Amino acid sequence: MLSSGSYWAWALVLIVTGVILMGCKDAGSVCLFSRMSGVITLDGKPVANARLVRTVQLSKKQEDENSSDNKE
């Protein structure tokens, strides 16, 4: 039978191992740009097909590009 201190030590090991393994499913991938949402307007009206570019300069310049849809 495990002592109280030993029980908590094993519980901590299992929790830490679980957290590490949960992080491994996306090993090697990094989320550089988070999701964005909103409405681009010009003179109070939605702009269709507007080009959206986000740029970041870390070790090298990286861009994320998208465009607005035609919904008005």
PDB file of N, CA and C in Angstrom:
ATOM      1  N   MET A   1       0.837  -1.184   0.000  1.00  0.00           N
ATOM      2  CA  MET A   1       0.000   0.000   0.000  1.00  0.00           C
ATOM      3  C   MET A   1       0.879   1.245   0.000  1.00  0.00           C
ATOM      4  N   LEU A   2       0.446   2.275  -0.744  1.00  0.00           N
ATOM      5  CA  LEU A   2       1.221   3.504  -0.842  1.00  0.00           C
ATOM      6  C   LEU A   2       0.952   4.409   0.350  1.00  0.00           C
ATOM      7  N   SER A   3       2.007   5.099   0.797  1.00  0.00           N
ATOM      8  CA  SER A   3       1.816   6.085   1.854  1.00  0.00           C
ATOM      9  C   SER A   3       1.146   7.315   1.256  1.00  0.00           C
ATOM     10  N   SER A   4       0.658   8.187   2.089  1.00  0.00           N
ATOM     11  CA  SER A   4      -0.038   9.384   1.627  1.00  0.00           C
ATOM     12  C   SER A   4       0.870  10.253   0.753  1.00  0.00           C
ATOM     13  N   GLY A   5       2.113  10.447   1.179  1.00  0.00           N
ATOM     14  CA  GLY A   5       3.053  11.251   0.406  1.00  0.00           C
ATOM     15  C   GLY A   5       3.373  10.601  -0.926  1.00  0.00           C
ATOM     16  N   SER A   6       3.523   9.293  -0.935  1.00  0.00           N
ATOM     17  CA  SER A   6       3.831   8.565  -2.159  1.00  0.00           C
ATOM     18  C   SER A   6       2.643   8.616  -3.129  1.00  0.00           C
ATOM     19  N   TYR A   7       1.446   8.527  -2.596  1.00  0.00           N
ATOM     20  CA  TYR A   7       0.235   8.604  -3.417  1.00  0.00           C
ATOM     21  C   TYR A   7       0.182   9.940  -4.156  1.00  0.00           C
ATOM     22  N   TRP A   8       0.417  11.039  -3.440  1.00  0.00           N
ATOM     23  CA  TRP A   8       0.361  12.361  -4.056  1.00  0.00           C
ATOM     24  C   TRP A   8       1.493  12.568  -5.054  1.00  0.00           C
ATOM     25  N   ALA A   9       2.655  11.978  -4.790  1.00  0.00           N
ATOM     26  CA  ALA A   9       3.769  12.078  -5.733  1.00  0.00           C
ATOM     27  C   ALA A   9       3.413  11.381  -7.047  1.00  0.00           C
ATOM     28  N   TRP A  10       2.827  10.185  -6.961  1.00  0.00           N
ATOM     29  CA  TRP A  10       2.427   9.462  -8.177  1.00  0.00           C
ATOM     30  C   TRP A  10       1.305  10.196  -8.911  1.00  0.00           C
ATOM     31  N   ALA A  11       0.378  10.769  -8.166  1.00  0.00           N
ATOM     32  CA  ALA A  11      -0.708  11.528  -8.789  1.00  0.00           C
ATOM     33  C   ALA A  11      -0.137  12.716  -9.557  1.00  0.00           C
ATOM     34  N   LEU A  12       0.846  13.395  -8.977  1.00  0.00           N
ATOM     35  CA  LEU A  12       1.474  14.529  -9.637  1.00  0.00           C
ATOM     36  C   LEU A  12       2.212  14.086 -10.895  1.00  0.00           C
ATOM     37  N   VAL A  13       2.913  12.970 -10.835  1.00  0.00           N
ATOM     38  CA  VAL A  13       3.623  12.430 -12.003  1.00  0.00           C
ATOM     39  C   VAL A  13       2.629  12.135 -13.123  1.00  0.00           C
ATOM     40  N   LEU A  14       1.500  11.516 -12.801  1.00  0.00           N
ATOM     41  CA  LEU A  14       0.496  11.186 -13.811  1.00  0.00           C
ATOM     42  C   LEU A  14      -0.113  12.441 -14.429  1.00  0.00           C
ATOM     43  N   ILE A  15      -0.379  13.434 -13.620  1.00  0.00           N
ATOM     44  CA  ILE A  15      -0.953  14.682 -14.138  1.00  0.00           C
ATOM     45  C   ILE A  15       0.034  15.379 -15.070  1.00  0.00           C
ATOM     46  N   VAL A  16       1.281  15.487 -14.652  1.00  0.00           N
ATOM     47  CA  VAL A  16       2.298  16.146 -15.481  1.00  0.00           C
ATOM     48  C   VAL A  16       2.491  15.384 -16.786  1.00  0.00           C
ATOM     49  N   THR A  17       2.530  14.052 -16.718  1.00  0.00           N
ATOM     50  CA  THR A  17       2.676  13.239 -17.920  1.00  0.00           C
ATOM     51  C   THR A  17       1.497  13.461 -18.866  1.00  0.00           C
ATOM     52  N   GLY A  18       0.293  13.528 -18.337  1.00  0.00           N
ATOM     53  CA  GLY A  18      -0.890  13.780 -19.162  1.00  0.00           C
ATOM     54  C   GLY A  18      -0.841  15.121 -19.843  1.00  0.00           C
ATOM     55  N   VAL A  19      -0.412  16.145 -19.127  1.00  0.00           N
ATOM     56  CA  VAL A  19      -0.309  17.478 -19.710  1.00  0.00           C
ATOM     57  C   VAL A  19       0.729  17.492 -20.829  1.00  0.00           C
ATOM     58  N   ILE A  20       1.850  16.851 -20.619  1.00  0.00           N
ATOM     59  CA  ILE A  20       2.894  16.792 -21.641  1.00  0.00           C
ATOM     60  C   ILE A  20       2.396  16.056 -22.874  1.00  0.00           C
ATOM     61  N   LEU A  21       1.732  14.936 -22.682  1.00  0.00           N
ATOM     62  CA  LEU A  21       1.241  14.157 -23.818  1.00  0.00           C
ATOM     63  C   LEU A  21       0.147  14.895 -24.580  1.00  0.00           C
ATOM     64  N   MET A  22      -0.695  15.656 -23.897  1.00  0.00           N
ATOM     65  CA  MET A  22      -1.731  16.424 -24.585  1.00  0.00           C
ATOM     66  C   MET A  22      -1.102  17.476 -25.485  1.00  0.00           C
ATOM     67  N   GLY A  23       0.030  18.022 -25.106  1.00  0.00           N
ATOM     68  CA  GLY A  23       0.698  19.025 -25.911  1.00  0.00           C
ATOM     69  C   GLY A  23       1.433  18.446 -27.102  1.00  0.00           C
ATOM     70  N   CYS A  24       1.623  17.123 -27.142  1.00  0.00           N
ATOM     71  CA  CYS A  24       2.395  16.493 -28.215  1.00  0.00           C
ATOM     72  C   CYS A  24       1.602  16.290 -29.501  1.00  0.00           C
ATOM     73  N   LYS A  25       0.294  16.410 -29.473  1.00  0.00           N
ATOM     74  CA  LYS A  25      -0.482  16.151 -30.687  1.00  0.00           C
ATOM     75  C   LYS A  25      -0.145  17.142 -31.792  1.00  0.00           C
ATOM     76  N   ASP A  26       0.268  18.349 -31.431  1.00  0.00           N
ATOM     77  CA  ASP A  26       0.651  19.354 -32.418  1.00  0.00           C
ATOM     78  C   ASP A  26       2.139  19.672 -32.319  1.00  0.00           C
ATOM     79  N   ALA A  27       2.937  18.682 -31.978  1.00  0.00           N
ATOM     80  CA  ALA A  27       4.369  18.907 -31.793  1.00  0.00           C
ATOM     81  C   ALA A  27       4.977  19.491 -33.059  1.00  0.00           C
ATOM     82  N   GLY A  28       5.744  20.518 -32.894  1.00  0.00           N
ATOM     83  CA  GLY A  28       6.419  21.147 -34.018  1.00  0.00           C
ATOM     84  C   GLY A  28       5.626  22.242 -34.694  1.00  0.00           C
ATOM     85  N   SER A  29       4.337  22.369 -34.390  1.00  0.00           N
ATOM     86  CA  SER A  29       3.546  23.426 -35.018  1.00  0.00           C
ATOM     87  C   SER A  29       3.380  24.587 -34.041  1.00  0.00           C
ATOM     88  N   VAL A  30       3.324  25.766 -34.594  1.00  0.00           N
ATOM     89  CA  VAL A  30       3.185  26.974 -33.789  1.00  0.00           C
ATOM     90  C   VAL A  30       2.060  27.811 -34.379  1.00  0.00           C
ATOM     91  N   CYS A  31       1.209  28.341 -33.534  1.00  0.00           N
ATOM     92  CA  CYS A  31       0.159  29.241 -33.985  1.00  0.00           C
ATOM     93  C   CYS A  31       0.706  30.656 -33.910  1.00  0.00           C
ATOM     94  N   LEU A  32       1.079  31.199 -35.057  1.00  0.00           N
ATOM     95  CA  LEU A  32       1.668  32.529 -35.095  1.00  0.00           C
ATOM     96  C   LEU A  32       0.594  33.610 -35.152  1.00  0.00           C
ATOM     97  N   PHE A  33      -0.454  33.364 -35.929  1.00  0.00           N
ATOM     98  CA  PHE A  33      -1.534  34.331 -36.066  1.00  0.00           C
ATOM     99  C   PHE A  33      -2.809  33.723 -35.490  1.00  0.00           C
ATOM    100  N   SER A  34      -3.456  34.428 -34.595  1.00  0.00           N
ATOM    101  CA  SER A  34      -4.715  33.944 -34.046  1.00  0.00           C
ATOM    102  C   SER A  34      -5.864  34.313 -34.978  1.00  0.00           C
ATOM    103  N   ARG A  35      -7.005  33.685 -34.749  1.00  0.00           N
ATOM    104  CA  ARG A  35      -8.178  33.907 -35.584  1.00  0.00           C
ATOM    105  C   ARG A  35      -8.686  35.345 -35.426  1.00  0.00           C
ATOM    106  N   MET A  36      -9.142  35.924 -36.519  1.00  0.00           N
ATOM    107  CA  MET A  36      -9.719  37.262 -36.499  1.00  0.00           C
ATOM    108  C   MET A  36     -11.116  37.211 -37.092  1.00  0.00           C
ATOM    109  N   SER A  37     -11.946  38.106 -36.648  1.00  0.00           N
ATOM    110  CA  SER A  37     -13.258  38.256 -37.275  1.00  0.00           C
ATOM    111  C   SER A  37     -13.663  39.720 -37.162  1.00  0.00           C
ATOM    112  N   GLY A  38     -14.524  40.147 -38.048  1.00  0.00           N
ATOM    113  CA  GLY A  38     -14.981  41.521 -38.016  1.00  0.00           C
ATOM    114  C   GLY A  38     -15.543  41.926 -39.369  1.00  0.00           C
ATOM    115  N   VAL A  39     -15.861  43.181 -39.502  1.00  0.00           N
ATOM    116  CA  VAL A  39     -16.407  43.716 -40.742  1.00  0.00           C
ATOM    117  C   VAL A  39     -15.549  44.903 -41.155  1.00  0.00           C
ATOM    118  N   ILE A  40     -15.061  44.876 -42.372  1.00  0.00           N
ATOM    119  CA  ILE A  40     -14.312  46.005 -42.915  1.00  0.00           C
ATOM    120  C   ILE A  40     -15.312  46.912 -43.611  1.00  0.00           C
ATOM    121  N   THR A  41     -15.307  48.179 -43.240  1.00  0.00           N
ATOM    122  CA  THR A  41     -16.274  49.104 -43.829  1.00  0.00           C
ATOM    123  C   THR A  41     -15.567  50.299 -44.456  1.00  0.00           C
ATOM    124  N   LEU A  42     -16.259  50.894 -45.406  1.00  0.00           N
ATOM    125  CA  LEU A  42     -15.834  52.138 -46.040  1.00  0.00           C
ATOM    126  C   LEU A  42     -17.085  52.999 -46.161  1.00  0.00           C
ATOM    127  N   ASP A  43     -17.048  54.150 -45.581  1.00  0.00           N
ATOM    128  CA  ASP A  43     -18.216  55.042 -45.539  1.00  0.00           C
ATOM    129  C   ASP A  43     -19.428  54.333 -44.938  1.00  0.00           C
ATOM    130  N   GLY A  44     -19.185  53.478 -43.930  1.00  0.00           N
ATOM    131  CA  GLY A  44     -20.264  52.799 -43.221  1.00  0.00           C
ATOM    132  C   GLY A  44     -20.832  51.576 -43.923  1.00  0.00           C
ATOM    133  N   LYS A  45     -20.283  51.207 -45.089  1.00  0.00           N
ATOM    134  CA  LYS A  45     -20.784  50.054 -45.838  1.00  0.00           C
ATOM    135  C   LYS A  45     -19.704  48.978 -45.902  1.00  0.00           C
ATOM    136  N   PRO A  46     -20.100  47.698 -45.782  1.00  0.00           N
ATOM    137  CA  PRO A  46     -19.116  46.612 -45.858  1.00  0.00           C
ATOM    138  C   PRO A  46     -18.371  46.612 -47.194  1.00  0.00           C
ATOM    139  N   VAL A  47     -17.082  46.330 -47.132  1.00  0.00           N
ATOM    140  CA  VAL A  47     -16.238  46.277 -48.327  1.00  0.00           C
ATOM    141  C   VAL A  47     -16.090  44.818 -48.747  1.00  0.00           C
ATOM    142  N   ALA A  48     -16.479  44.518 -49.997  1.00  0.00           N
ATOM    143  CA  ALA A  48     -16.356  43.158 -50.520  1.00  0.00           C
ATOM    144  C   ALA A  48     -14.968  42.965 -51.114  1.00  0.00           C
ATOM    145  N   ASN A  49     -14.412  41.780 -50.946  1.00  0.00           N
ATOM    146  CA  ASN A  49     -13.127  41.381 -51.529  1.00  0.00           C
ATOM    147  C   ASN A  49     -11.952  42.269 -51.113  1.00  0.00           C
ATOM    148  N   ALA A  50     -11.971  42.772 -49.902  1.00  0.00           N
ATOM    149  CA  ALA A  50     -10.836  43.541 -49.394  1.00  0.00           C
ATOM    150  C   ALA A  50      -9.704  42.566 -49.060  1.00  0.00           C
ATOM    151  N   ARG A  51      -8.483  42.919 -49.390  1.00  0.00           N
ATOM    152  CA  ARG A  51      -7.315  42.070 -49.125  1.00  0.00           C
ATOM    153  C   ARG A  51      -6.779  42.407 -47.733  1.00  0.00           C
ATOM    154  N   LEU A  52      -6.658  41.382 -46.882  1.00  0.00           N
ATOM    155  CA  LEU A  52      -6.168  41.551 -45.516  1.00  0.00           C
ATOM    156  C   LEU A  52      -4.810  40.870 -45.398  1.00  0.00           C
ATOM    157  N   VAL A  53      -3.812  41.612 -44.958  1.00  0.00           N
ATOM    158  CA  VAL A  53      -2.469  41.054 -44.803  1.00  0.00           C
ATOM    159  C   VAL A  53      -1.958  41.410 -43.407  1.00  0.00           C
ATOM    160  N   ARG A  54      -1.570  40.378 -42.645  1.00  0.00           N
ATOM    161  CA  ARG A  54      -0.931  40.587 -41.347  1.00  0.00           C
ATOM    162  C   ARG A  54       0.529  40.191 -41.502  1.00  0.00           C
ATOM    163  N   THR A  55       1.415  40.995 -40.963  1.00  0.00           N
ATOM    164  CA  THR A  55       2.851  40.750 -41.102  1.00  0.00           C
ATOM    165  C   THR A  55       3.503  40.749 -39.723  1.00  0.00           C
ATOM    166  N   VAL A  56       4.445  39.834 -39.528  1.00  0.00           N
ATOM    167  CA  VAL A  56       5.226  39.788 -38.296  1.00  0.00           C
ATOM    168  C   VAL A  56       6.692  39.591 -38.670  1.00  0.00           C
ATOM    169  N   GLN A  57       7.567  40.223 -37.918  1.00  0.00           N
ATOM    170  CA  GLN A  57       9.002  40.076 -38.154  1.00  0.00           C
ATOM    171  C   GLN A  57       9.611  39.440 -36.912  1.00  0.00           C
ATOM    172  N   LEU A  58       9.896  38.147 -36.977  1.00  0.00           N
ATOM    173  CA  LEU A  58      10.597  37.460 -35.892  1.00  0.00           C
ATOM    174  C   LEU A  58      12.007  37.191 -36.392  1.00  0.00           C
ATOM    175  N   SER A  59      12.345  35.925 -36.606  1.00  0.00           N
ATOM    176  CA  SER A  59      13.651  35.635 -37.192  1.00  0.00           C
ATOM    177  C   SER A  59      13.625  35.916 -38.691  1.00  0.00           C
ATOM    178  N   LYS A  60      12.422  35.891 -39.274  1.00  0.00           N
ATOM    179  CA  LYS A  60      12.232  36.260 -40.670  1.00  0.00           C
ATOM    180  C   LYS A  60      10.816  36.828 -40.822  1.00  0.00           C
ATOM    181  N   LYS A  61      10.589  37.554 -41.886  1.00  0.00           N
ATOM    182  CA  LYS A  61       9.280  38.157 -42.127  1.00  0.00           C
ATOM    183  C   LYS A  61       8.289  37.068 -42.542  1.00  0.00           C
ATOM    184  N   GLN A  62       7.140  37.049 -41.886  1.00  0.00           N
ATOM    185  CA  GLN A  62       6.088  36.096 -42.222  1.00  0.00           C
ATOM    186  C   GLN A  62       4.776  36.845 -42.378  1.00  0.00           C
ATOM    187  N   GLU A  63       3.968  36.392 -43.334  1.00  0.00           N
ATOM    188  CA  GLU A  63       2.687  37.039 -43.585  1.00  0.00           C
ATOM    189  C   GLU A  63       1.559  36.023 -43.569  1.00  0.00           C
ATOM    190  N   ASP A  64       0.390  36.514 -43.245  1.00  0.00           N
ATOM    191  CA  ASP A  64      -0.850  35.756 -43.286  1.00  0.00           C
ATOM    192  C   ASP A  64      -1.792  36.603 -44.129  1.00  0.00           C
ATOM    193  N   GLU A  65      -2.369  36.020 -45.175  1.00  0.00           N
ATOM    194  CA  GLU A  65      -3.206  36.802 -46.085  1.00  0.00           C
ATOM    195  C   GLU A  65      -4.575  36.154 -46.243  1.00  0.00           C
ATOM    196  N   ASN A  66      -5.585  36.982 -46.341  1.00  0.00           N
ATOM    197  CA  ASN A  66      -6.947  36.533 -46.553  1.00  0.00           C
ATOM    198  C   ASN A  66      -7.702  37.665 -47.227  1.00  0.00           C
ATOM    199  N   SER A  67      -8.949  37.415 -47.586  1.00  0.00           N
ATOM    200  CA  SER A  67      -9.767  38.485 -48.155  1.00  0.00           C
ATOM    201  C   SER A  67     -11.158  38.417 -47.565  1.00  0.00           C
ATOM    202  N   SER A  68     -11.827  39.549 -47.549  1.00  0.00           N
ATOM    203  CA  SER A  68     -13.196  39.578 -47.042  1.00  0.00           C
ATOM    204  C   SER A  68     -14.114  38.915 -48.075  1.00  0.00           C
ATOM    205  N   ASP A  69     -15.238  38.436 -47.593  1.00  0.00           N
ATOM    206  CA  ASP A  69     -16.184  37.784 -48.526  1.00  0.00           C
ATOM    207  C   ASP A  69     -17.159  38.815 -49.099  1.00  0.00           C
ATOM    208  N   ASN A  70     -18.090  38.338 -49.869  1.00  0.00           N
ATOM    209  CA  ASN A  70     -19.035  39.230 -50.550  1.00  0.00           C
ATOM    210  C   ASN A  70     -20.298  39.502 -49.760  1.00  0.00           C
ATOM    211  N   LYS A  71     -20.380  39.044 -48.523  1.00  0.00           N
ATOM    212  CA  LYS A  71     -21.587  39.256 -47.724  1.00  0.00           C
ATOM    213  C   LYS A  71     -21.723  40.725 -47.372  1.00  0.00           C
ATOM    214  N   GLU A  72     -22.918  41.213 -47.453  1.00  0.00           N
ATOM    215  CA  GLU A  72     -23.171  42.610 -47.081  1.00  0.00           C
ATOM    216  C   GLU A  72     -24.320  42.693 -46.127  1.00  0.00           C
TER     217      GLU A  72
END
